[in-house]
Amino acid sequence: MKKKLKRDEEQAIVAGVLAGMANYFHQDPALFRVAAIALLVLTGIFPGLLLYLGAWLVMPKHTVGNQQADYDVSE
C-alpha cells in the first residue's frame, strides 16, 4: 500500500497541512509546527506563508472518518 500525503483536519490547528505531514513521516505534529514557525520567522513571513497556502490548496483532505455508508437505515 502506497502512502499518500493528506491533510489531517482532526489534529489541525489551521488547515491540517502540518499534521498531515507529521502523519506521513510518523512524527509528532509539534515538531512540524515548530519548524514551520522557524521557517516563517527566517524567511520574513511571506514566502513561508505562500508555501503553507499552496500546500493547503494542493493536499487533499484525509477523510477516513467522514465516509458515507452505501446503505440507508430505516425503521
Protein backbone atom coordinates (compact mmCIF):
# COMPACT_ATOMS: atom_id res chain seq x y z
CA MET A 1 0.00 0.00 0.00
CA LYS A 2 1.42 3.35 -1.06
CA LYS A 3 1.44 6.18 1.48
CA LYS A 4 -0.27 9.40 0.45
CA LEU A 5 0.29 12.87 1.86
CA LYS A 6 -3.07 14.22 3.06
CA ARG A 7 -4.23 16.99 5.37
CA ASP A 8 -5.35 15.79 8.80
CA GLU A 9 -8.20 18.03 9.94
CA GLU A 10 -8.75 16.08 13.19
CA GLN A 11 -5.37 17.21 14.57
CA ALA A 12 -5.35 20.51 12.72
CA ILE A 13 -4.77 23.92 14.22
CA VAL A 14 -5.25 25.85 10.97
CA ALA A 15 -5.77 23.61 7.92
CA GLY A 16 -4.17 20.29 8.83
CA VAL A 17 -1.20 20.62 6.49
CA LEU A 18 1.45 20.21 9.18
CA ALA A 19 -0.50 17.46 10.98
CA GLY A 20 -0.78 15.61 7.68
CA MET A 21 2.95 15.92 7.08
CA ALA A 22 3.62 14.63 10.61
CA ASN A 23 1.36 11.62 9.99
CA TYR A 24 3.10 10.91 6.69
CA PHE A 25 6.54 10.85 8.35
CA HIS A 26 5.26 9.21 11.60
CA GLN A 27 6.34 12.15 13.75
CA ASP A 28 4.78 14.44 16.35
CA PRO A 29 2.88 17.36 14.76
CA ALA A 30 4.51 19.73 17.27
CA LEU A 31 7.89 19.20 15.55
CA PHE A 32 6.46 20.31 12.22
CA ARG A 33 4.71 23.28 13.82
CA VAL A 34 7.94 24.47 15.45
CA ALA A 35 9.80 24.04 12.15
CA ALA A 36 7.06 25.98 10.31
CA ILE A 37 7.25 28.85 12.78
CA ALA A 38 11.04 28.92 12.39
CA LEU A 39 10.62 28.97 8.60
CA LEU A 40 8.15 31.85 8.85
CA VAL A 41 10.50 33.87 11.06
CA LEU A 42 13.62 33.15 8.99
CA THR A 43 12.01 33.89 5.62
CA GLY A 44 10.21 37.05 6.68
CA ILE A 45 6.71 35.53 6.94
CA PHE A 46 5.59 35.94 3.29
CA PRO A 47 7.47 33.08 1.50
CA GLY A 48 6.65 30.58 4.24
CA LEU A 49 3.03 31.70 4.25
CA LEU A 50 2.83 31.20 0.48
CA LEU A 51 4.25 27.67 0.83
CA TYR A 52 1.66 26.83 3.50
CA LEU A 53 -1.22 28.23 1.47
CA GLY A 54 -0.02 26.35 -1.61
CA ALA A 55 0.16 23.10 0.35
CA TRP A 56 -3.34 23.78 1.72
CA LEU A 57 -4.69 24.08 -1.82
CA VAL A 58 -2.81 21.07 -3.23
CA MET A 59 -3.09 18.49 -0.43
CA PRO A 60 -6.35 16.51 -0.31
CA LYS A 61 -8.26 16.00 2.96
CA HIS A 62 -7.89 12.81 4.96
CA THR A 63 -11.49 11.52 5.02
CA VAL A 64 -11.46 8.15 6.81
CA GLY A 65 -13.99 9.13 9.49
CA ASN A 66 -16.24 11.13 7.15
CA GLN A 67 -17.14 8.44 4.62
CA GLN A 68 -20.82 7.84 4.00
CA ALA A 69 -22.40 4.40 4.12
CA ASP A 70 -23.60 2.70 0.93
CA TYR A 71 -26.97 1.90 2.52
CA ASP A 72 -29.86 3.62 4.30
CA VAL A 73 -31.06 2.68 7.75
CA SER A 74 -34.82 2.79 8.16
CA GLU A 75 -37.22 1.62 10.82
